[in-house]
Amino acid sequence: MSNLTRSQIQRYGVAVLAVGVALLLMLLLDPWIAMKKTPFILFFGAVMVSAWYGGMGPGLLATLLSAVLSTFFFLHPISPLTLDASDSARLLLFVTQGILFSALCNALQTANWRLFINLMKLQASEERYRRLVDTANEGICTINREGRIDYVNGRMAEMLDYRVEEILDRPVLEFMEKESRLEAQEKEWLSKQDRTQQQDICFRRKDSTQLWAIVSTNTIVSEKGEFLGTLLTIADVTDRKQAEAEIKQLTENLEQRVKERTAQLEATNSELESFSYSVSHDLRAPLRHISGFVELLLKRVNSTGTIDETSQRYLKTIAETSKKAGILVDDLLAFSRMGRTEMRYTLIDMNQLIREVKRDIEMETNGRTVVWQIEELPAVQGDLSMIRLVLQNLIGNAVKYTQTRSQAEIAIGSTSKENEVVFFVRDNGVGFDMRYVQKLFGVFQRLHSEEEFQGTGIGLANVRRIIHRHRGQTWAEGTPDRGATFYFSLPNLTAQEAEWN
């Protein structure tokens, strides 16, 4: 408060002093210059000085003092304050001018003070912005109309391994690799259009190493829409690019290794299938010879009766075993052919196919009671002979493993999904333990003894191979003594897709 009071005293004191000096000068000049003709000229100067320095209050005080002193000393010197009309008008004009000038100076001082405050705020804001830009983690620069850099922050200079002074006033394209430069020019990267872009750019550092960055460009325009330049924000992604390149290289190497391994596996599988086919084919002839000669020997023994009963039993066992071995070899041959046979896709009427397979199997049921529940099935694309074999195996198994039931119940149906159709064959037979479900579709894998149910253990393996070649899946669910359900899926293929496969 004391500072404020002292300031006021100083300003009003200047007003009093200015008026006093004006009075003194006028009194000194009066003998040579008739001051009565212009009694307010120096006093107006005092009012101007007081109002300019002190503002409204000191200006009004100087105006009042000047009016009183001019009237007393120059309008009617050393006399009472009585004025004629002319002097009153002059005095009124002087007072009015003093008041207006004081008010004007006060307004100018207020405007100047506000301007000063705003300028200080602007400088503080600019300083904060500059510190923010200079300490940003991203590189920032501005490009003028000619494509030259007119501002760059320290981070961008650090990224490019230059000093700030070495970058300024140089074309921004000069710091780019050739491919990125051509791409930027092709896409009108520094276009004068008011738009924002973002793309990967490869810069070249001072030491000729590469700097990959995500560059965001924003057009700078004036309030009138005039193009002023472009703002660039640069984020260093060199590490990411290097990691992507390494991943790409690893992926390419892995793909190559997978191709090589796949080719090796295909060659190995082909060799194994050829070997299996050759062995199975070569075994058929000796097994048939064994079976044929055993039968001839049995006929001869029966006609002559020169061999005991035990020997006859041995011969019958050899004959039965050779027949089973023959069946096994035939199944192995079928399994081998399944991987070698060319696929012939066609539209399969599953309802018709089920009826044909069911009719063939019913001929072997020997008067058993079998209740069939067959749903309406959708048509699918596939190899007719292979899908027939799948159904023969699954429906045949359902009939076989329900032979211990007084009434067998077999259900066949499907579920359509977006990309595939799932078919199932369900029975109320002996079922199986889900702990061993993975063994079901393996070659020679059986969950029941041959004494209980005849078979070679190759049927379901054949089913899986066929469905796999159709790009489908196989699985099963079961419970001991409560039946089983076998599923297989086939893709929903159009005729054209089937041709491609």
Protein backbone atom coordinates (compact mmCIF):
# COMPACT_ATOMS: atom_id res chain seq x y z
CA MET A 1 0.00 0.00 0.00
CA SER A 2 2.93 2.36 0.84
CA ASN A 3 4.38 1.80 -2.64
CA LEU A 4 1.02 2.61 -4.18
CA THR A 5 0.67 5.82 -2.15
CA ARG A 6 4.21 6.90 -2.99
CA SER A 7 3.50 6.30 -6.66
CA GLN A 8 0.36 8.39 -6.48
CA ILE A 9 2.19 11.21 -4.71
CA GLN A 10 4.88 11.06 -7.37
CA ARG A 11 2.40 11.27 -10.23
CA TYR A 12 0.37 14.08 -8.71
CA GLY A 13 3.59 15.83 -7.74
CA VAL A 14 4.70 15.76 -11.37
CA ALA A 15 1.36 17.38 -12.30
CA VAL A 16 1.85 20.20 -9.77
CA LEU A 17 5.49 20.64 -10.81
CA ALA A 18 4.60 20.73 -14.52
CA VAL A 19 1.96 23.41 -13.94
CA GLY A 20 4.38 25.42 -11.78
CA VAL A 21 7.10 25.29 -14.44
CA ALA A 22 4.60 26.35 -17.10
CA LEU A 23 3.49 29.31 -14.95
CA LEU A 24 7.07 30.36 -14.28
CA LEU A 25 7.98 30.23 -17.97
CA MET A 26 4.90 32.21 -18.94
CA LEU A 27 5.65 34.89 -16.35
CA LEU A 28 9.24 35.10 -17.58
CA LEU A 29 8.18 35.30 -21.21
CA ASP A 30 5.27 37.68 -20.71
CA PRO A 31 7.35 40.89 -20.97
CA TRP A 32 8.58 39.90 -24.41
CA ILE A 33 5.60 37.88 -25.57
CA ALA A 34 2.10 38.89 -24.77
CA MET A 35 0.97 35.74 -23.00
CA LYS A 36 -2.57 37.10 -22.66
CA LYS A 37 -3.13 36.28 -26.30
CA THR A 38 -2.26 32.60 -25.71
CA PRO A 39 -2.70 32.10 -21.97
CA PHE A 40 -3.10 28.30 -22.19
CA ILE A 41 -0.30 27.31 -24.54
CA LEU A 42 2.29 26.28 -21.94
CA PHE A 43 -0.34 25.16 -19.48
CA PHE A 44 -1.67 22.73 -22.12
CA GLY A 45 1.83 21.34 -22.36
CA ALA A 46 1.82 20.85 -18.59
CA VAL A 47 -1.54 19.02 -18.85
CA MET A 48 -0.11 16.77 -21.60
CA VAL A 49 2.97 15.92 -19.52
CA SER A 50 0.87 15.26 -16.39
CA ALA A 51 -1.74 13.12 -18.21
CA TRP A 52 0.89 11.16 -20.17
CA TYR A 53 2.94 10.47 -17.08
CA GLY A 54 0.29 10.13 -14.40
CA GLY A 55 -2.90 9.29 -16.16
CA MET A 56 -6.43 10.59 -15.68
CA GLY A 57 -6.15 11.97 -12.13
CA PRO A 58 -2.92 13.99 -12.52
CA GLY A 59 -4.14 15.23 -15.92
CA LEU A 60 -7.37 16.56 -14.41
CA LEU A 61 -5.44 18.14 -11.53
CA ALA A 62 -3.08 19.87 -13.99
CA THR A 63 -6.10 21.03 -16.03
CA LEU A 64 -7.77 22.50 -12.93
CA LEU A 65 -4.61 24.25 -11.67
CA SER A 66 -3.82 25.58 -15.15
CA ALA A 67 -7.35 26.96 -15.54
CA VAL A 68 -7.21 28.75 -12.18
CA LEU A 69 -3.68 30.17 -12.70
CA SER A 70 -4.37 31.27 -16.29
CA THR A 71 -7.48 33.10 -15.20
CA PHE A 72 -5.74 34.74 -12.23
CA PHE A 73 -2.51 35.77 -13.96
CA PHE A 74 -3.27 36.20 -17.64
CA LEU A 75 -6.94 36.61 -18.41
CA HIS A 76 -7.45 39.25 -15.67
CA PRO A 77 -4.08 39.55 -14.02
CA ILE A 78 -4.01 40.16 -10.29
CA SER A 79 -7.77 40.57 -10.12
CA PRO A 80 -10.80 38.67 -8.95
CA LEU A 81 -11.80 35.69 -11.04
CA THR A 82 -14.34 37.42 -13.23
CA LEU A 83 -14.45 36.60 -16.91
CA ASP A 84 -16.19 37.97 -19.93
CA ALA A 85 -17.88 35.71 -22.48
CA SER A 86 -14.80 35.44 -24.71
CA ASP A 87 -12.49 34.46 -21.90
CA SER A 88 -15.08 32.04 -20.52
CA ALA A 89 -15.30 30.29 -23.87
CA ARG A 90 -11.51 30.05 -24.12
CA LEU A 91 -11.30 28.70 -20.59
CA LEU A 92 -14.08 26.19 -21.20
CA LEU A 93 -12.37 25.00 -24.37
CA PHE A 94 -9.07 24.56 -22.50
CA VAL A 95 -10.73 22.59 -19.68
CA THR A 96 -12.58 20.39 -22.18
CA GLN A 97 -9.38 19.70 -24.08
CA GLY A 98 -7.56 18.91 -20.85
CA ILE A 99 -10.26 16.47 -19.75
CA LEU A 100 -10.38 14.77 -23.17
CA PHE A 101 -6.60 14.54 -23.39
CA SER A 102 -6.42 13.12 -19.85
CA ALA A 103 -9.05 10.54 -20.69
CA LEU A 104 -7.24 9.66 -23.93
CA CYS A 105 -3.91 9.26 -22.15
CA ASN A 106 -5.57 7.14 -19.49
CA ALA A 107 -7.08 4.88 -22.19
CA LEU A 108 -3.72 4.64 -23.95
CA GLN A 109 -1.98 3.75 -20.69
CA THR A 110 -4.60 1.07 -19.98
CA ALA A 111 -4.22 -0.34 -23.51
CA ASN A 112 -0.44 -0.25 -23.24
CA TRP A 113 -0.57 -2.03 -19.91
CA ARG A 114 -2.88 -4.72 -21.30
CA LEU A 115 -0.67 -5.03 -24.35
CA PHE A 116 2.35 -5.41 -22.10
CA ILE A 117 0.61 -8.09 -20.03
CA ASN A 118 -0.51 -9.98 -23.15
CA LEU A 119 2.97 -9.69 -24.62
CA MET A 120 4.46 -11.14 -21.44
CA LYS A 121 1.93 -13.97 -21.54
CA LEU A 122 2.66 -14.59 -25.21
CA GLN A 123 6.39 -14.67 -24.54
CA ALA A 124 5.87 -17.08 -21.63
CA SER A 125 3.60 -19.26 -23.79
CA GLU A 126 6.10 -19.20 -26.65
CA GLU A 127 8.89 -20.12 -24.27
CA ARG A 128 6.86 -23.03 -22.86
CA TYR A 129 6.02 -24.18 -26.40
CA ARG A 130 9.65 -23.95 -27.48
CA ARG A 131 10.80 -25.91 -24.43
CA LEU A 132 8.08 -28.49 -25.12
CA VAL A 133 9.07 -28.84 -28.77
CA ASP A 134 12.80 -28.87 -28.06
CA THR A 135 12.44 -31.56 -25.38
CA ALA A 136 9.87 -33.70 -27.26
CA ASN A 137 10.71 -37.34 -27.86
CA GLU A 138 9.68 -36.98 -31.52
CA GLY A 139 11.50 -35.06 -34.17
CA ILE A 140 9.67 -31.90 -35.23
CA CYS A 141 10.41 -29.54 -38.08
CA THR A 142 8.61 -27.06 -40.31
CA ILE A 143 9.03 -26.82 -44.06
CA ASN A 144 8.50 -23.56 -45.95
CA ARG A 145 6.80 -23.14 -49.30
CA GLU A 146 9.96 -24.11 -51.17
CA GLY A 147 10.30 -27.38 -49.25
CA ARG A 148 13.23 -26.15 -47.16
CA ILE A 149 13.53 -26.66 -43.41
CA ASP A 150 13.07 -23.39 -41.53
CA TYR A 151 12.79 -24.90 -38.04
CA VAL A 152 14.00 -28.15 -36.49
CA ASN A 153 14.03 -29.27 -32.89
CA GLY A 154 16.97 -30.86 -31.14
CA ARG A 155 15.46 -34.35 -31.21
CA MET A 156 15.27 -34.45 -35.00
CA ALA A 157 18.82 -33.15 -35.31
CA GLU A 158 19.89 -35.89 -32.90
CA MET A 159 18.02 -38.52 -34.93
CA LEU A 160 19.81 -37.50 -38.13
CA ASP A 161 23.14 -37.03 -36.33
CA TYR A 162 23.47 -33.39 -37.47
CA ARG A 163 23.69 -30.09 -35.65
CA VAL A 164 20.60 -27.91 -35.91
CA GLU A 165 22.55 -25.31 -37.94
CA GLU A 166 23.51 -27.97 -40.49
CA ILE A 167 19.88 -28.83 -41.18
CA LEU A 168 18.27 -25.40 -41.44
CA ASP A 169 17.48 -24.00 -44.91
CA ARG A 170 18.16 -27.34 -46.62
CA PRO A 171 15.51 -29.28 -48.64
CA VAL A 172 13.90 -31.96 -46.49
CA LEU A 173 14.02 -34.42 -49.43
CA GLU A 174 17.81 -34.19 -49.28
CA PHE A 175 17.79 -36.20 -46.05
CA MET A 176 15.70 -39.08 -47.48
CA GLU A 177 16.78 -42.29 -49.15
CA LYS A 178 16.09 -42.37 -52.88
CA GLU A 179 13.09 -44.71 -52.75
CA SER A 180 11.40 -42.71 -49.98
CA ARG A 181 12.16 -39.47 -51.82
CA LEU A 182 10.54 -40.74 -55.01
CA GLU A 183 7.55 -42.07 -53.06
CA ALA A 184 7.13 -38.75 -51.26
CA GLN A 185 7.21 -36.87 -54.57
CA GLU A 186 4.83 -39.33 -56.19
CA LYS A 187 2.29 -39.03 -53.36
CA GLU A 188 2.67 -35.22 -53.27
CA TRP A 189 3.86 -35.58 -49.71
CA LEU A 190 4.54 -31.84 -49.32
CA SER A 191 1.32 -30.88 -51.08
CA LYS A 192 -0.14 -27.41 -50.60
CA GLN A 193 -3.54 -28.96 -50.03
CA ASP A 194 -4.92 -28.66 -46.52
CA ARG A 195 -4.62 -32.28 -45.36
CA THR A 196 -2.86 -34.64 -42.98
CA GLN A 197 -0.80 -37.63 -44.11
CA GLN A 198 1.19 -40.36 -42.41
CA GLN A 199 3.64 -42.83 -43.93
CA ASP A 200 6.89 -44.67 -43.33
CA ILE A 201 9.93 -42.76 -44.57
CA CYS A 202 13.55 -43.90 -44.69
CA PHE A 203 15.98 -41.07 -43.87
CA ARG A 204 19.74 -41.11 -44.27
CA ARG A 205 21.85 -40.08 -41.28
CA LYS A 206 25.06 -38.13 -41.53
CA ASP A 207 27.07 -41.35 -41.29
CA SER A 208 24.98 -42.82 -44.17
CA THR A 209 23.08 -45.26 -41.90
CA GLN A 210 19.32 -45.54 -42.31
CA LEU A 211 16.69 -44.05 -40.02
CA TRP A 212 13.20 -45.45 -40.45
CA ALA A 213 10.47 -43.17 -39.13
CA ILE A 214 6.72 -42.70 -39.15
CA VAL A 215 6.25 -39.18 -40.52
CA SER A 216 3.04 -37.23 -39.96
CA THR A 217 2.58 -34.15 -42.14
CA ASN A 218 0.18 -31.30 -41.40
CA THR A 219 -0.32 -28.38 -43.74
CA ILE A 220 0.23 -24.92 -42.19
CA VAL A 221 -2.17 -22.28 -43.53
CA SER A 222 -2.95 -18.70 -42.57
CA GLU A 223 -6.32 -17.46 -41.35
CA LYS A 224 -7.09 -16.56 -44.94
CA GLY A 225 -6.28 -20.10 -46.08
CA GLU A 226 -2.95 -19.17 -47.64
CA PHE A 227 -0.40 -22.00 -47.71
CA LEU A 228 2.54 -21.23 -45.40
CA GLY A 229 4.34 -24.55 -45.18
CA THR A 230 4.21 -28.02 -43.66
CA LEU A 231 4.69 -29.33 -40.13
CA LEU A 232 6.48 -32.69 -39.84
CA THR A 233 6.37 -34.93 -36.78
CA ILE A 234 8.86 -37.82 -36.91
CA ALA A 235 8.82 -40.95 -34.70
CA ASP A 236 11.84 -43.25 -34.86
CA VAL A 237 10.79 -46.84 -35.73
CA THR A 238 14.17 -48.14 -36.88
CA ASP A 239 14.22 -50.88 -34.24
CA ARG A 240 10.74 -51.98 -35.26
CA LYS A 241 11.70 -52.07 -38.93
CA GLN A 242 14.81 -54.10 -38.15
CA ALA A 243 12.74 -56.50 -36.05
CA GLU A 244 10.19 -56.80 -38.87
CA ALA A 245 12.98 -57.49 -41.36
CA GLU A 246 14.43 -60.15 -39.06
CA ILE A 247 11.00 -61.71 -38.55
CA LYS A 248 10.39 -61.66 -42.30
CA GLN A 249 13.74 -63.33 -42.90
CA LEU A 250 13.05 -65.91 -40.20
CA THR A 251 9.59 -66.52 -41.66
CA GLU A 252 11.01 -66.98 -45.14
CA ASN A 253 13.66 -69.35 -43.77
CA LEU A 254 11.02 -71.22 -41.80
CA GLU A 255 8.73 -71.45 -44.82
CA GLN A 256 11.61 -72.75 -46.87
CA ARG A 257 12.47 -75.31 -44.21
CA VAL A 258 8.81 -76.32 -43.95
CA LYS A 259 8.68 -76.75 -47.73
CA GLU A 260 11.83 -78.84 -47.63
CA ARG A 261 10.57 -80.93 -44.69
CA THR A 262 7.17 -81.29 -46.35
CA ALA A 263 8.83 -82.45 -49.53
CA GLN A 264 10.94 -84.89 -47.52
CA LEU A 265 7.87 -86.17 -45.64
CA GLU A 266 5.90 -86.50 -48.85
CA ALA A 267 8.78 -88.42 -50.40
CA THR A 268 9.07 -90.59 -47.29
CA ASN A 269 5.32 -91.20 -47.17
CA SER A 270 5.35 -92.03 -50.84
CA GLU A 271 8.20 -94.48 -50.28
CA LEU A 272 6.43 -95.99 -47.26
CA GLU A 273 3.19 -96.33 -49.18
CA SER A 274 5.03 -97.89 -52.10
CA PHE A 275 6.82 -100.22 -49.71
CA SER A 276 3.59 -101.11 -47.92
CA TYR A 277 1.81 -101.67 -51.21
CA SER A 278 4.69 -103.77 -52.55
CA VAL A 279 4.96 -105.87 -49.39
CA SER A 280 1.21 -106.37 -49.14
CA HIS A 281 0.96 -107.23 -52.82
CA ASP A 282 3.87 -109.67 -52.62
CA LEU A 283 2.42 -111.32 -49.50
CA ARG A 284 -0.89 -112.10 -51.11
CA ALA A 285 0.48 -114.82 -53.41
CA PRO A 286 2.30 -116.93 -50.76
CA LEU A 287 -0.61 -116.62 -48.34
CA ARG A 288 -3.01 -117.86 -50.98
CA HIS A 289 -0.66 -120.70 -51.77
CA ILE A 290 -0.53 -121.65 -48.09
CA SER A 291 -4.30 -121.47 -47.77
CA GLY A 292 -4.84 -123.40 -51.02
CA PHE A 293 -2.40 -126.22 -50.22
CA VAL A 294 -3.77 -126.57 -46.66
CA GLU A 295 -7.28 -126.99 -48.08
CA LEU A 296 -6.00 -129.59 -50.58
CA LEU A 297 -4.19 -131.42 -47.80
CA LEU A 298 -7.35 -131.42 -45.63
CA LYS A 299 -9.40 -132.84 -48.49
CA ARG A 300 -6.87 -135.57 -49.05
CA VAL A 301 -6.67 -136.38 -45.34
CA ASN A 302 -10.43 -136.54 -45.07
CA SER A 303 -10.59 -138.93 -48.01
CA THR A 304 -7.86 -141.29 -46.77
CA GLY A 305 -8.23 -140.82 -43.02
CA THR A 306 -4.52 -141.35 -42.47
CA ILE A 307 -3.99 -138.41 -40.03
CA ASP A 308 -5.04 -138.07 -36.47
CA GLU A 309 -7.61 -135.57 -35.14
CA THR A 310 -5.02 -133.22 -33.58
CA SER A 311 -3.17 -132.87 -36.88
CA GLN A 312 -6.44 -132.11 -38.62
CA ARG A 313 -7.16 -129.39 -36.05
CA TYR A 314 -3.72 -127.91 -36.66
CA LEU A 315 -4.31 -127.86 -40.39
CA LYS A 316 -7.69 -126.13 -39.95
CA THR A 317 -6.04 -123.52 -37.71
CA ILE A 318 -3.38 -122.88 -40.35
CA ALA A 319 -6.08 -122.51 -43.00
CA GLU A 320 -8.15 -120.06 -40.93
CA THR A 321 -5.07 -118.07 -39.96
CA SER A 322 -3.87 -117.79 -43.55
CA LYS A 323 -7.33 -116.59 -44.58
CA LYS A 324 -7.27 -113.91 -41.86
CA ALA A 325 -3.78 -112.93 -42.95
CA GLY A 326 -5.08 -112.67 -46.50
CA ILE A 327 -7.91 -110.41 -45.36
CA LEU A 328 -5.41 -108.32 -43.41
CA VAL A 329 -3.17 -108.00 -46.46
CA ASP A 330 -6.17 -106.98 -48.59
CA ASP A 331 -7.08 -104.30 -46.03
CA LEU A 332 -3.49 -103.06 -45.99
CA LEU A 333 -3.53 -102.84 -49.76
CA ALA A 334 -6.78 -100.85 -49.62
CA PHE A 335 -5.24 -98.57 -46.97
CA SER A 336 -2.14 -98.02 -49.13
CA ARG A 337 -4.19 -97.35 -52.24
CA MET A 338 -6.25 -94.77 -50.37
CA GLY A 339 -3.23 -92.48 -50.09
CA ARG A 340 -2.27 -92.99 -53.73
CA THR A 341 -5.67 -92.86 -55.42
CA GLU A 342 -6.50 -89.66 -57.31
CA MET A 343 -9.47 -87.75 -55.89
CA ARG A 344 -12.46 -87.37 -58.20
CA TYR A 345 -14.87 -84.80 -56.80
CA THR A 346 -18.54 -84.95 -57.64
CA LEU A 347 -21.82 -83.91 -56.04
CA ILE A 348 -22.85 -86.79 -53.75
CA ASP A 349 -26.48 -87.47 -52.85
CA MET A 350 -25.85 -88.68 -49.30
CA ASN A 351 -29.41 -89.95 -48.89
CA GLN A 352 -29.08 -92.24 -51.95
CA LEU A 353 -25.61 -93.36 -50.86
CA ILE A 354 -26.85 -94.24 -47.35
CA ARG A 355 -29.67 -96.29 -48.81
CA GLU A 356 -27.25 -98.25 -51.00
CA VAL A 357 -24.80 -98.95 -48.16
CA LYS A 358 -27.64 -99.86 -45.77
CA ARG A 359 -29.11 -102.30 -48.32
CA ASP A 360 -25.75 -104.06 -48.77
CA ILE A 361 -25.15 -104.34 -45.03
CA GLU A 362 -28.69 -105.54 -44.21
CA MET A 363 -28.02 -108.63 -46.34
CA GLU A 364 -25.48 -109.74 -43.72
CA THR A 365 -27.54 -109.08 -40.57
CA ASN A 366 -28.93 -112.66 -40.60
CA GLY A 367 -32.42 -111.79 -39.45
CA ARG A 368 -31.36 -109.48 -36.62
CA THR A 369 -33.74 -106.75 -35.44
CA VAL A 370 -32.25 -103.37 -36.38
CA VAL A 371 -34.16 -100.12 -35.89
CA TRP A 372 -32.90 -97.44 -38.30
CA GLN A 373 -33.35 -93.70 -37.72
CA ILE A 374 -32.05 -91.89 -40.77
CA GLU A 375 -32.48 -88.12 -41.16
CA GLU A 376 -32.67 -86.19 -44.40
CA LEU A 377 -29.06 -85.49 -45.34
CA PRO A 378 -27.56 -82.65 -47.44
CA ALA A 379 -25.60 -83.25 -50.63
CA VAL A 380 -21.83 -82.67 -50.48
CA GLN A 381 -18.84 -82.47 -52.82
CA GLY A 382 -16.46 -85.42 -52.54
CA ASP A 383 -15.06 -88.60 -54.03
CA LEU A 384 -18.03 -90.97 -54.29
CA SER A 385 -16.11 -94.25 -53.94
CA MET A 386 -14.13 -92.96 -50.93
CA ILE A 387 -17.17 -91.58 -49.09
CA ARG A 388 -18.94 -94.86 -49.80
CA LEU A 389 -16.07 -96.70 -48.07
CA VAL A 390 -16.35 -94.34 -45.09
CA LEU A 391 -20.04 -95.07 -44.67
CA GLN A 392 -19.51 -98.81 -45.18
CA ASN A 393 -16.97 -98.84 -42.36
CA LEU A 394 -18.97 -96.68 -39.93
CA ILE A 395 -22.37 -98.29 -40.54
CA GLY A 396 -20.76 -101.75 -40.67
CA ASN A 397 -19.14 -101.12 -37.28
CA ALA A 398 -22.46 -99.93 -35.86
CA VAL A 399 -24.10 -103.18 -37.00
CA LYS A 400 -21.17 -105.29 -35.75
CA TYR A 401 -20.88 -103.75 -32.29
CA THR A 402 -24.65 -103.97 -31.64
CA GLN A 403 -24.83 -107.74 -32.31
CA THR A 404 -25.00 -108.36 -28.55
CA ARG A 405 -28.26 -106.35 -28.34
CA SER A 406 -31.64 -107.94 -28.80
CA GLN A 407 -32.68 -104.84 -30.74
CA ALA A 408 -30.01 -102.74 -32.40
CA GLU A 409 -30.69 -99.02 -32.78
CA ILE A 410 -28.67 -97.11 -35.38
CA ALA A 411 -29.17 -93.39 -36.06
CA ILE A 412 -27.65 -91.47 -38.98
CA GLY A 413 -27.89 -87.69 -39.26
CA SER A 414 -26.04 -84.43 -39.89
CA THR A 415 -25.54 -80.88 -38.68
CA SER A 416 -24.90 -78.08 -41.17
CA LYS A 417 -22.50 -75.29 -40.18
CA GLU A 418 -21.24 -72.24 -42.01
CA ASN A 419 -18.20 -73.85 -43.59
CA GLU A 420 -18.81 -77.57 -43.16
CA VAL A 421 -21.34 -80.36 -42.72
CA VAL A 422 -20.91 -82.80 -39.81
CA PHE A 423 -22.32 -86.32 -40.27
CA PHE A 424 -22.73 -88.85 -37.47
CA VAL A 425 -23.51 -92.56 -37.02
CA ARG A 426 -24.84 -93.45 -33.55
CA ASP A 427 -25.53 -96.94 -32.12
CA ASN A 428 -26.57 -98.53 -28.85
CA GLY A 429 -23.79 -101.11 -28.94
CA VAL A 430 -20.98 -101.99 -26.55
CA GLY A 431 -19.41 -98.52 -26.72
CA PHE A 432 -15.87 -97.79 -25.53
CA ASP A 433 -13.90 -96.01 -22.81
CA MET A 434 -13.11 -92.37 -23.77
CA ARG A 435 -9.65 -92.74 -22.21
CA TYR A 436 -8.67 -94.78 -25.27
CA VAL A 437 -10.43 -92.68 -27.91
CA GLN A 438 -7.12 -91.72 -29.56
CA LYS A 439 -6.46 -95.36 -30.43
CA LEU A 440 -9.66 -95.78 -32.43
CA PHE A 441 -8.43 -94.33 -35.70
CA GLY A 442 -4.93 -95.89 -35.65
CA VAL A 443 -3.80 -98.76 -37.81
CA PHE A 444 -4.17 -102.16 -36.06
CA GLN A 445 -5.63 -100.38 -32.97
CA ARG A 446 -8.53 -102.34 -31.43
CA LEU A 447 -10.41 -101.75 -28.18
CA HIS A 448 -12.09 -105.18 -28.31
CA SER A 449 -10.58 -108.62 -28.82
CA GLU A 450 -10.94 -110.46 -32.13
CA GLU A 451 -12.76 -113.25 -30.29
CA GLU A 452 -15.50 -110.74 -29.36
CA PHE A 453 -15.72 -108.91 -32.67
CA GLN A 454 -13.92 -109.80 -35.85
CA GLY A 455 -11.85 -107.20 -37.71
CA THR A 456 -8.33 -106.16 -38.65
CA GLY A 457 -8.22 -102.70 -37.00
CA ILE A 458 -7.70 -100.89 -40.31
CA GLY A 459 -11.26 -99.74 -41.13
CA LEU A 460 -11.31 -96.61 -38.95
CA ALA A 461 -7.76 -95.71 -39.99
CA ASN A 462 -9.02 -95.78 -43.56
CA VAL A 463 -11.95 -93.55 -42.57
CA ARG A 464 -9.62 -90.97 -41.06
CA ARG A 465 -7.31 -91.02 -44.08
CA ILE A 466 -10.21 -90.50 -46.50
CA ILE A 467 -11.77 -87.67 -44.52
CA HIS A 468 -8.36 -86.05 -44.05
CA ARG A 469 -7.86 -86.08 -47.81
CA HIS A 470 -11.24 -84.32 -48.09
CA ARG A 471 -9.89 -81.68 -45.62
CA GLY A 472 -12.35 -82.81 -42.96
CA GLN A 473 -12.06 -84.21 -39.44
CA THR A 474 -13.04 -87.40 -37.62
CA TRP A 475 -13.80 -87.98 -33.96
CA ALA A 476 -15.87 -90.22 -31.71
CA GLU A 477 -17.74 -90.29 -28.41
CA GLY A 478 -18.70 -93.33 -26.42
CA THR A 479 -19.54 -94.89 -23.08
CA PRO A 480 -18.85 -98.53 -22.16
CA ASP A 481 -21.97 -100.67 -22.77
CA ARG A 482 -24.01 -97.60 -23.70
CA GLY A 483 -23.20 -97.12 -27.34
CA ALA A 484 -20.95 -94.87 -29.41
CA THR A 485 -21.23 -92.05 -31.92
CA PHE A 486 -18.78 -91.53 -34.76
CA TYR A 487 -18.52 -88.15 -36.50
CA PHE A 488 -16.90 -86.93 -39.68
CA SER A 489 -17.01 -83.49 -41.26
CA LEU A 490 -16.80 -82.42 -44.91
CA PRO A 491 -16.20 -78.83 -46.09
CA ASN A 492 -18.96 -76.93 -47.84
CA LEU A 493 -17.35 -76.73 -51.29
CA THR A 494 -18.70 -75.27 -54.48
CA ALA A 495 -18.17 -77.17 -57.70
CA GLN A 496 -15.31 -74.82 -58.67
CA GLU A 497 -13.60 -75.24 -55.30
CA ALA A 498 -13.92 -78.99 -55.65
CA GLU A 499 -12.17 -78.81 -59.02
CA TRP A 500 -9.32 -76.83 -57.47
CA ASN A 501 -8.89 -79.53 -54.82
